[in-house]
Amino acid sequence: MKLIMIRHGQTQINRNHMVQGRSNFPLTDQGIKEAINSGDILKKNVKHVDVFISSPSMRALQTSQIISGKYNHPNFVITDEHFYERDFGPYDGRLIEDVFPIKVELPGYETDSEIQNRVHTGVMNLYKKYKGKTVVIGCHSHTIKSILSVIEPDLFTYRTLLVNGAIVELKVDDEGIKYVQMIYNN
């Protein structure tokens, strides 16, 4: 299965440099432009998509719907809770610069292993259902990094910058998940 993971476009929380986990905000005008741009870039690089999946978050779903429209699938996006952003618990809505120097995981904060297991399970479920197909997931920074930091730890960590609209290509087969390329991260 060819798997494309796309980070959602900008929200007001992103613009304000705040942690945005499970809080639900729509795309800004800039975020809509980023989603359109990512859709154009994806269309140039991937000619056919079989299915569009999205995190249930408004920002990811909006991004997915915009991009799926480039493939004439504007209202055919399946939501899947495996691809939600990390649950930052009490850190959600706080300034990034105040949160990430903190090394303590408070109750309600989803650990690295928890998000990695959740997202990996979701990807493997998709593989069982869509083997041999091209699948695009509209999701979030930590959702994508939860896969990349495991399969390519020398290239990616949770501190690696993925811009709004970043596009990552992966390959999923019986042997697992493999990194193919970063299609867009400017």
Protein backbone atom coordinates (compact mmCIF):
# COMPACT_ATOMS: atom_id res chain seq x y z
CA MET A 1 0.00 0.00 0.00
CA LYS A 2 1.22 3.46 -0.84
CA LEU A 3 0.47 5.66 2.16
CA ILE A 4 0.55 9.44 2.00
CA MET A 5 0.30 11.35 5.29
CA ILE A 6 -0.47 15.07 5.11
CA ARG A 7 -0.36 17.52 7.99
CA HIS A 8 -3.38 19.82 8.18
CA GLY A 9 -3.25 23.50 7.23
CA GLN A 10 -2.79 26.32 9.73
CA THR A 11 -5.29 27.08 12.51
CA GLN A 12 -5.48 30.10 14.79
CA ILE A 13 -3.83 28.04 17.54
CA ASN A 14 -0.92 27.18 15.20
CA ARG A 15 -0.57 30.83 14.27
CA ASN A 16 -0.37 31.74 17.97
CA HIS A 17 2.37 29.11 18.57
CA MET A 18 0.23 27.15 20.99
CA VAL A 19 -0.03 23.41 21.60
CA GLN A 20 -3.01 22.01 19.74
CA GLY A 21 -3.87 18.42 20.48
CA ARG A 22 -7.50 17.44 20.75
CA SER A 23 -8.83 21.01 20.76
CA ASN A 24 -10.91 21.57 17.66
CA PHE A 25 -10.37 24.67 15.53
CA PRO A 26 -11.00 25.26 11.82
CA LEU A 27 -8.41 26.27 9.27
CA THR A 28 -7.51 29.93 8.91
CA ASP A 29 -7.52 31.55 5.46
CA GLN A 30 -3.80 30.76 5.36
CA GLY A 31 -4.56 27.15 6.32
CA ILE A 32 -7.02 26.86 3.44
CA LYS A 33 -4.33 28.16 1.06
CA GLU A 34 -1.86 25.61 2.48
CA ALA A 35 -4.35 22.78 1.96
CA ILE A 36 -4.95 23.89 -1.64
CA ASN A 37 -1.18 24.09 -2.21
CA SER A 38 -0.62 20.63 -0.71
CA GLY A 39 -3.40 19.26 -2.91
CA ASP A 40 -1.75 20.75 -6.01
CA ILE A 41 1.65 19.32 -5.02
CA LEU A 42 0.17 15.92 -4.25
CA LYS A 43 -1.72 15.83 -7.56
CA LYS A 44 1.56 16.46 -9.45
CA ASN A 45 3.29 13.61 -7.58
CA VAL A 46 0.49 11.08 -7.11
CA LYS A 47 -1.86 10.70 -10.06
CA HIS A 48 -4.43 8.39 -8.47
CA VAL A 49 -5.75 8.00 -4.92
CA ASP A 50 -8.06 5.15 -3.96
CA VAL A 51 -9.23 6.38 -0.58
CA PHE A 52 -9.00 9.47 1.61
CA ILE A 53 -8.88 9.02 5.38
CA SER A 54 -8.83 11.79 7.97
CA SER A 55 -8.47 12.39 11.64
CA PRO A 56 -11.91 13.45 12.93
CA SER A 57 -10.46 16.85 13.94
CA MET A 58 -12.04 19.73 12.04
CA ARG A 59 -8.68 21.04 10.77
CA ALA A 60 -7.60 17.65 9.38
CA LEU A 61 -11.02 16.94 7.89
CA GLN A 62 -11.14 20.35 6.16
CA THR A 63 -7.65 19.76 4.76
CA SER A 64 -8.61 16.27 3.56
CA GLN A 65 -11.79 17.51 1.90
CA ILE A 66 -9.92 20.27 0.05
CA ILE A 67 -7.24 17.83 -1.15
CA SER A 68 -9.72 15.09 -2.06
CA GLY A 69 -11.52 17.65 -4.22
CA LYS A 70 -8.41 17.76 -6.44
CA TYR A 71 -9.14 14.09 -7.21
CA ASN A 72 -12.91 14.60 -7.62
CA HIS A 73 -13.62 12.99 -4.23
CA PRO A 74 -14.59 16.19 -2.33
CA ASN A 75 -17.09 14.60 0.04
CA PHE A 76 -15.70 11.09 0.22
CA VAL A 77 -13.38 11.25 3.23
CA ILE A 78 -13.53 8.53 5.88
CA THR A 79 -12.69 9.60 9.44
CA ASP A 80 -10.62 7.33 11.67
CA GLU A 81 -9.84 8.07 15.33
CA HIS A 82 -6.47 6.29 15.09
CA PHE A 83 -5.16 9.39 13.33
CA TYR A 84 -6.11 12.06 15.88
CA GLU A 85 -3.31 14.31 17.12
CA ARG A 86 -1.54 13.34 20.33
CA ASP A 87 -3.60 14.05 23.41
CA PHE A 88 -1.49 16.70 25.15
CA GLY A 89 -3.82 16.68 28.16
CA PRO A 90 -3.22 19.71 30.41
CA TYR A 91 -0.69 21.16 27.95
CA ASP A 92 -3.32 21.69 25.22
CA GLY A 93 -3.80 25.40 24.50
CA ARG A 94 -0.58 26.51 26.21
CA LEU A 95 2.32 28.26 24.47
CA ILE A 96 4.71 25.78 22.84
CA GLU A 97 7.75 27.54 24.33
CA ASP A 98 6.30 27.04 27.83
CA VAL A 99 5.45 23.37 27.34
CA PHE A 100 8.23 21.60 25.50
CA PRO A 101 11.09 22.32 27.89
CA ILE A 102 8.97 20.39 30.43
CA LYS A 103 9.97 16.73 30.73
CA VAL A 104 7.11 15.64 33.01
CA GLU A 105 4.19 13.72 31.51
CA LEU A 106 1.11 14.77 33.48
CA PRO A 107 -2.05 12.66 33.71
CA GLY A 108 -3.95 12.92 30.43
CA TYR A 109 -0.77 13.34 28.34
CA GLU A 110 -0.50 10.61 25.70
CA THR A 111 2.99 9.10 25.85
CA ASP A 112 5.20 8.39 22.84
CA SER A 113 4.52 4.66 23.07
CA GLU A 114 0.76 5.23 23.35
CA ILE A 115 0.55 7.41 20.23
CA GLN A 116 2.94 5.13 18.34
CA ASN A 117 0.82 2.07 19.14
CA ARG A 118 -2.43 3.86 18.26
CA VAL A 119 -1.22 5.17 14.90
CA HIS A 120 0.61 1.95 13.98
CA THR A 121 -2.57 -0.03 14.67
CA GLY A 122 -4.53 2.36 12.45
CA VAL A 123 -2.02 2.07 9.60
CA MET A 124 -1.96 -1.73 9.76
CA ASN A 125 -5.79 -1.82 9.80
CA LEU A 126 -5.76 0.28 6.63
CA TYR A 127 -3.19 -2.05 5.08
CA LYS A 128 -5.43 -5.08 5.70
CA LYS A 129 -8.33 -3.31 4.02
CA TYR A 130 -6.50 -1.44 1.22
CA LYS A 131 -3.52 -3.66 0.33
CA GLY A 132 -2.17 -2.61 -3.10
CA LYS A 133 -4.04 0.71 -3.02
CA THR A 134 -3.02 4.35 -2.58
CA VAL A 135 -4.31 5.85 0.67
CA VAL A 136 -4.06 9.50 1.77
CA ILE A 137 -4.47 10.41 5.44
CA GLY A 138 -5.11 14.00 6.52
CA CYS A 139 -3.72 14.19 10.02
CA HIS A 140 -1.34 15.95 12.40
CA SER A 141 2.32 16.61 13.12
CA HIS A 142 2.73 14.15 16.01
CA THR A 143 0.60 11.55 14.21
CA ILE A 144 3.10 11.57 11.33
CA LYS A 145 6.13 11.79 13.63
CA SER A 146 4.88 8.81 15.66
CA ILE A 147 5.57 6.67 12.58
CA LEU A 148 8.67 8.46 11.26
CA SER A 149 10.47 8.52 14.63
CA VAL A 150 10.18 4.72 14.84
CA ILE A 151 11.02 3.71 11.26
CA GLU A 152 13.71 6.38 10.64
CA PRO A 153 14.96 7.50 14.08
CA ASP A 154 18.19 8.94 12.63
CA LEU A 155 16.17 11.27 10.39
CA PHE A 156 13.08 12.11 12.46
CA THR A 157 12.17 12.84 16.07
CA TYR A 158 9.19 14.54 17.68
CA ARG A 159 11.19 17.79 17.45
CA THR A 160 11.56 17.55 13.64
CA LEU A 161 9.68 20.41 12.00
CA LEU A 162 6.78 19.41 9.78
CA VAL A 163 5.18 22.52 8.32
CA ASN A 164 1.44 22.88 7.90
CA GLY A 165 0.63 21.01 4.70
CA ALA A 166 3.72 18.74 4.86
CA ILE A 167 3.39 15.58 2.74
CA VAL A 168 5.16 12.29 3.56
CA GLU A 169 5.10 9.14 1.43
CA LEU A 170 5.37 5.73 3.08
CA LYS A 171 5.13 2.15 1.84
CA VAL A 172 3.25 -0.44 3.86
CA ASP A 173 3.63 -4.16 3.15
CA ASP A 174 3.74 -7.48 4.98
CA GLU A 175 7.13 -6.51 6.44
CA GLY A 176 5.87 -3.27 7.97
CA ILE A 177 6.05 0.46 7.28
CA LYS A 178 8.89 2.03 5.29
CA TYR A 179 9.78 5.66 4.64
CA VAL A 180 9.84 6.53 0.92
CA GLN A 181 10.17 10.31 0.69
CA MET A 182 9.21 13.72 1.97
CA ILE A 183 7.14 15.06 -0.92
CA TYR A 184 6.72 18.51 0.65
CA ASN A 185 7.96 20.23 3.81
CA ASN A 186 8.68 23.87 2.91
